[in-house]
Amino acid sequence: AMTWWPAKENNTDKFTATIGITVPSALKACSNGVLTSTTALSGSRTKYLWTCNYPIVTYLVSIGATNYNQWTATWNYNTTSMPVMFYIWPEQDTASNRSAAEAVLPMLTAYSNRFGIYPFSNEKYGIYQFTFGGGMEHQTMTGQINFSESLSSHELGHQWWGDMITCGRWEDIWLNEGFATYCEAIWLETKPGSTGLPALQAAMAARVPSSVNGTVTRFDTTSVGSI
């Protein structure tokens, strides 16, 4: 975080945030938490104000802004009704991509049944497209290169494992990734039409490491790939 905004880079000290983003009016801007206001400004600009009321760590704060197409679905779980927001590049805004993106709604239910209700249910869940490879589990607003099933299920799992429950040390970040990888298998076990437990077992068997040398704790945290 400190490479792009002043921050106390400490994963054990979470905070709330109000994030204001001003962009040319042809663009849309998304971030963590709840969209509190959208204000038209002079010079054909728009200010988006997002409020993050759940405590968050610095590395999960995010901003996305471009000429997005945006739509919102609703996730219902017991007495909870929560918006699920999607921000997609116009050139990829197809019916098949929208359908793939909305697969996170039954995933939310599957994980809530397993782990307890989605931990930020008073705000939202969202996915916005970004240009980085893979995905990044920003709290309530995941960035993804696409809407593949494995990617969406992995990043959503991080909302519990990484975002709500956060490692205090980068040396232990494997815990976040381990849980999120297991969440991929849980989705394959519970999704409609699944064979159930055999699907989970096959997914986990496919991830058995070829080498078990070294340690799960990564004592050298200078390499992002390593941790």
Protein backbone atom coordinates (compact mmCIF):
# COMPACT_ATOMS: atom_id res chain seq x y z
CA ALA A 1 0.00 0.00 0.00
CA MET A 2 2.77 2.44 0.84
CA THR A 3 3.88 2.49 -2.80
CA TRP A 4 0.76 4.50 -3.73
CA TRP A 5 -0.70 6.10 -0.58
CA PRO A 6 0.57 7.11 2.88
CA ALA A 7 -0.08 4.12 5.12
CA LYS A 8 0.90 2.44 8.35
CA GLU A 9 1.76 -0.93 6.83
CA ASN A 10 0.75 -3.23 9.66
CA ASN A 11 -1.63 -6.15 9.17
CA THR A 12 -2.51 -6.29 12.86
CA ASP A 13 -3.88 -2.72 12.88
CA LYS A 14 -7.09 -2.62 10.82
CA PHE A 15 -9.04 0.58 10.21
CA THR A 16 -12.19 1.97 8.61
CA ALA A 17 -11.99 4.21 5.56
CA THR A 18 -13.74 6.78 3.42
CA ILE A 19 -12.43 6.74 -0.14
CA GLY A 20 -13.16 9.57 -2.57
CA ILE A 21 -12.38 9.11 -6.26
CA THR A 22 -12.81 11.89 -8.85
CA VAL A 23 -12.80 10.83 -12.51
CA PRO A 24 -13.93 12.15 -15.90
CA SER A 25 -17.69 11.66 -16.07
CA ALA A 26 -17.38 9.09 -18.86
CA LEU A 27 -15.72 6.73 -16.37
CA LYS A 28 -16.97 4.77 -13.36
CA ALA A 29 -14.95 4.29 -10.16
CA CYS A 30 -15.33 1.43 -7.68
CA SER A 31 -13.76 0.67 -4.33
CA ASN A 32 -14.26 -1.06 -0.99
CA GLY A 33 -17.39 -0.85 1.11
CA VAL A 34 -20.60 0.94 0.19
CA LEU A 35 -21.13 3.58 -2.49
CA THR A 36 -22.22 6.48 -0.30
CA SER A 37 -22.64 9.17 -2.96
CA THR A 38 -22.04 10.08 -6.59
CA THR A 39 -21.56 13.82 -7.18
CA ALA A 40 -21.36 15.69 -10.49
CA LEU A 41 -18.53 18.25 -10.45
CA SER A 42 -17.45 21.04 -12.76
CA GLY A 43 -15.33 20.20 -15.76
CA SER A 44 -17.32 17.08 -16.65
CA ARG A 45 -16.08 15.19 -13.62
CA THR A 46 -17.78 12.85 -11.15
CA LYS A 47 -16.80 12.13 -7.56
CA TYR A 48 -17.53 8.68 -6.15
CA LEU A 49 -17.51 8.31 -2.37
CA TRP A 50 -17.10 4.80 -0.95
CA THR A 51 -17.33 4.06 2.78
CA CYS A 52 -15.70 1.01 4.34
CA ASN A 53 -17.20 0.44 7.79
CA TYR A 54 -15.74 -3.00 8.41
CA PRO A 55 -12.11 -2.89 9.62
CA ILE A 56 -9.68 -3.44 6.75
CA VAL A 57 -5.91 -3.78 6.30
CA THR A 58 -3.83 -1.63 3.96
CA TYR A 59 -3.15 -4.29 1.31
CA LEU A 60 -6.88 -4.85 0.73
CA VAL A 61 -7.73 -1.23 -0.15
CA SER A 62 -8.36 -0.81 -3.87
CA ILE A 63 -9.55 1.57 -6.55
CA GLY A 64 -10.73 0.65 -10.04
CA ALA A 65 -11.66 3.28 -12.64
CA THR A 66 -12.30 3.06 -16.36
CA ASN A 67 -15.23 3.06 -18.82
CA TYR A 68 -16.88 0.14 -17.04
CA ASN A 69 -20.31 -1.26 -17.73
CA GLN A 70 -21.91 -1.93 -14.36
CA TRP A 71 -24.78 -4.06 -13.10
CA THR A 72 -25.97 -5.29 -9.73
CA ALA A 73 -27.49 -8.60 -8.65
CA THR A 74 -28.98 -9.46 -5.25
CA TRP A 75 -27.85 -12.26 -2.96
CA ASN A 76 -30.45 -13.51 -0.50
CA TYR A 77 -29.48 -15.65 2.47
CA ASN A 78 -31.94 -16.26 5.29
CA THR A 79 -32.95 -12.72 6.34
CA THR A 80 -29.99 -11.08 4.57
CA SER A 81 -30.36 -9.32 1.23
CA MET A 82 -27.09 -7.96 -0.16
CA PRO A 83 -26.07 -6.28 -3.43
CA VAL A 84 -23.46 -7.99 -5.58
CA MET A 85 -21.90 -5.45 -7.96
CA PHE A 86 -20.08 -6.16 -11.20
CA TYR A 87 -17.83 -3.84 -13.21
CA ILE A 88 -16.90 -5.20 -16.63
CA TRP A 89 -15.04 -3.84 -19.63
CA PRO A 90 -17.53 -2.92 -22.39
CA GLU A 91 -15.75 -5.06 -24.98
CA GLN A 92 -16.24 -8.13 -22.74
CA ASP A 93 -19.80 -7.37 -21.66
CA THR A 94 -21.50 -10.46 -23.08
CA ALA A 95 -24.33 -12.61 -21.81
CA SER A 96 -21.94 -15.49 -21.18
CA ASN A 97 -19.55 -13.32 -19.15
CA ARG A 98 -22.42 -11.92 -17.10
CA SER A 99 -23.64 -15.43 -16.40
CA ALA A 100 -20.14 -16.54 -15.41
CA ALA A 101 -19.71 -13.55 -13.12
CA GLU A 102 -23.01 -14.20 -11.34
CA ALA A 103 -21.85 -17.70 -10.39
CA VAL A 104 -20.53 -16.00 -7.24
CA LEU A 105 -24.09 -15.81 -5.89
CA PRO A 106 -24.45 -19.57 -5.27
CA MET A 107 -20.80 -19.60 -4.18
CA LEU A 108 -21.68 -17.05 -1.48
CA THR A 109 -24.37 -19.43 -0.28
CA ALA A 110 -22.09 -22.48 -0.35
CA TYR A 111 -19.37 -20.77 1.69
CA SER A 112 -21.84 -19.15 4.09
CA ASN A 113 -23.27 -22.59 4.80
CA ARG A 114 -19.77 -23.88 5.54
CA PHE A 115 -18.03 -20.97 7.30
CA GLY A 116 -20.80 -18.70 8.57
CA ILE A 117 -22.46 -15.87 6.70
CA TYR A 118 -20.38 -13.74 4.31
CA PRO A 119 -18.47 -11.50 6.73
CA PHE A 120 -19.26 -8.15 5.07
CA SER A 121 -22.96 -8.71 4.44
CA ASN A 122 -23.94 -5.20 5.55
CA GLU A 123 -21.94 -3.76 2.67
CA LYS A 124 -21.60 -5.76 -0.56
CA TYR A 125 -19.58 -8.14 -2.61
CA GLY A 126 -18.24 -6.99 -5.94
CA ILE A 127 -15.98 -8.00 -8.81
CA TYR A 128 -14.28 -5.50 -11.10
CA GLN A 129 -12.07 -6.33 -14.06
CA PHE A 130 -8.45 -5.29 -13.91
CA THR A 131 -5.42 -5.81 -16.12
CA PHE A 132 -3.30 -7.84 -13.68
CA GLY A 133 -3.12 -11.58 -14.20
CA GLY A 134 -5.34 -13.67 -11.94
CA GLY A 135 -7.18 -11.94 -9.13
CA MET A 136 -6.79 -9.99 -5.90
CA GLU A 137 -9.18 -10.36 -2.99
CA HIS A 138 -9.70 -6.72 -2.02
CA GLN A 139 -12.21 -6.57 0.83
CA THR A 140 -15.78 -6.52 -0.60
CA MET A 141 -14.43 -5.72 -4.11
CA THR A 142 -12.29 -8.33 -5.82
CA GLY A 143 -10.20 -7.47 -8.86
CA GLN A 144 -10.12 -10.20 -11.54
CA ILE A 145 -8.72 -10.54 -15.04
CA ASN A 146 -11.78 -12.61 -16.03
CA PHE A 147 -14.73 -14.47 -14.54
CA SER A 148 -13.48 -18.05 -14.61
CA GLU A 149 -15.09 -20.40 -12.13
CA SER A 150 -11.88 -21.37 -10.35
CA LEU A 151 -10.71 -17.76 -10.07
CA SER A 152 -14.04 -16.47 -8.76
CA SER A 153 -14.36 -19.28 -6.20
CA HIS A 154 -10.78 -18.79 -5.01
CA GLU A 155 -11.00 -15.02 -4.57
CA LEU A 156 -14.40 -15.19 -2.90
CA GLY A 157 -13.01 -17.68 -0.39
CA HIS A 158 -10.44 -15.06 0.61
CA GLN A 159 -13.21 -12.82 1.95
CA TRP A 160 -13.33 -15.18 4.92
CA TRP A 161 -9.72 -16.37 4.84
CA GLY A 162 -7.46 -13.34 4.43
CA ASP A 163 -9.92 -10.46 4.65
CA MET A 164 -12.04 -11.20 7.73
CA ILE A 165 -9.31 -13.38 9.28
CA THR A 166 -5.99 -11.80 8.37
CA CYS A 167 -2.46 -13.06 8.91
CA GLY A 168 -0.45 -10.72 11.10
CA ARG A 169 2.80 -11.75 9.38
CA TRP A 170 3.61 -12.09 5.69
CA GLU A 171 5.56 -15.22 6.65
CA ASP A 172 2.20 -16.97 7.18
CA ILE A 173 0.37 -15.82 4.04
CA TRP A 174 0.29 -19.43 2.83
CA LEU A 175 -2.62 -19.90 5.24
CA ASN A 176 -4.71 -17.45 3.19
CA GLU A 177 -3.83 -19.17 -0.06
CA GLY A 178 -4.29 -22.64 1.38
CA PHE A 179 -7.81 -21.88 2.57
CA ALA A 180 -8.73 -20.16 -0.71
CA THR A 181 -7.45 -23.12 -2.71
CA TYR A 182 -9.51 -25.44 -0.52
CA CYS A 183 -12.51 -23.19 -1.19
CA GLU A 184 -12.14 -23.96 -4.90
CA ALA A 185 -12.54 -27.64 -4.02
CA ILE A 186 -15.49 -26.93 -1.72
CA TRP A 187 -17.28 -25.19 -4.59
CA LEU A 188 -16.63 -28.14 -6.91
CA GLU A 189 -18.09 -30.39 -4.21
CA THR A 190 -21.24 -28.34 -3.62
CA LYS A 191 -22.08 -26.74 -7.00
CA PRO A 192 -25.20 -27.91 -8.85
CA GLY A 193 -24.62 -31.20 -10.66
CA SER A 194 -21.52 -32.07 -8.64
CA THR A 195 -20.58 -35.64 -7.77
CA GLY A 196 -20.04 -34.36 -4.23
CA LEU A 197 -17.12 -35.52 -2.12
CA PRO A 198 -15.34 -37.27 -5.02
CA ALA A 199 -15.17 -33.92 -6.81
CA LEU A 200 -13.52 -32.32 -3.79
CA GLN A 201 -11.09 -35.19 -3.41
CA ALA A 202 -10.14 -35.08 -7.09
CA ALA A 203 -9.52 -31.33 -6.91
CA MET A 204 -7.29 -31.69 -3.87
CA ALA A 205 -5.42 -34.67 -5.33
CA ALA A 206 -4.63 -32.55 -8.38
CA ARG A 207 -2.94 -29.99 -6.11
CA VAL A 208 -0.61 -32.35 -4.25
CA PRO A 209 2.85 -30.76 -4.51
CA SER A 210 5.55 -32.57 -6.44
CA SER A 211 8.09 -31.55 -3.80
CA VAL A 212 7.65 -31.17 -0.06
CA ASN A 213 11.10 -29.75 0.63
CA GLY A 214 11.34 -26.51 2.58
CA THR A 215 8.77 -25.00 4.94
CA VAL A 216 5.27 -23.62 4.75
CA THR A 217 6.41 -20.58 6.74
CA ARG A 218 8.27 -18.33 4.30
CA PHE A 219 11.05 -16.73 6.31
CA ASP A 220 12.24 -14.68 3.34
CA THR A 221 9.36 -12.32 2.54
CA THR A 222 11.20 -10.28 -0.10
CA SER A 223 9.78 -12.47 -2.88
CA VAL A 224 6.06 -12.05 -3.54
CA GLY A 225 6.06 -15.29 -5.54
CA SER A 226 7.63 -17.14 -2.64
CA ILE A 227 5.10 -16.09 -0.02
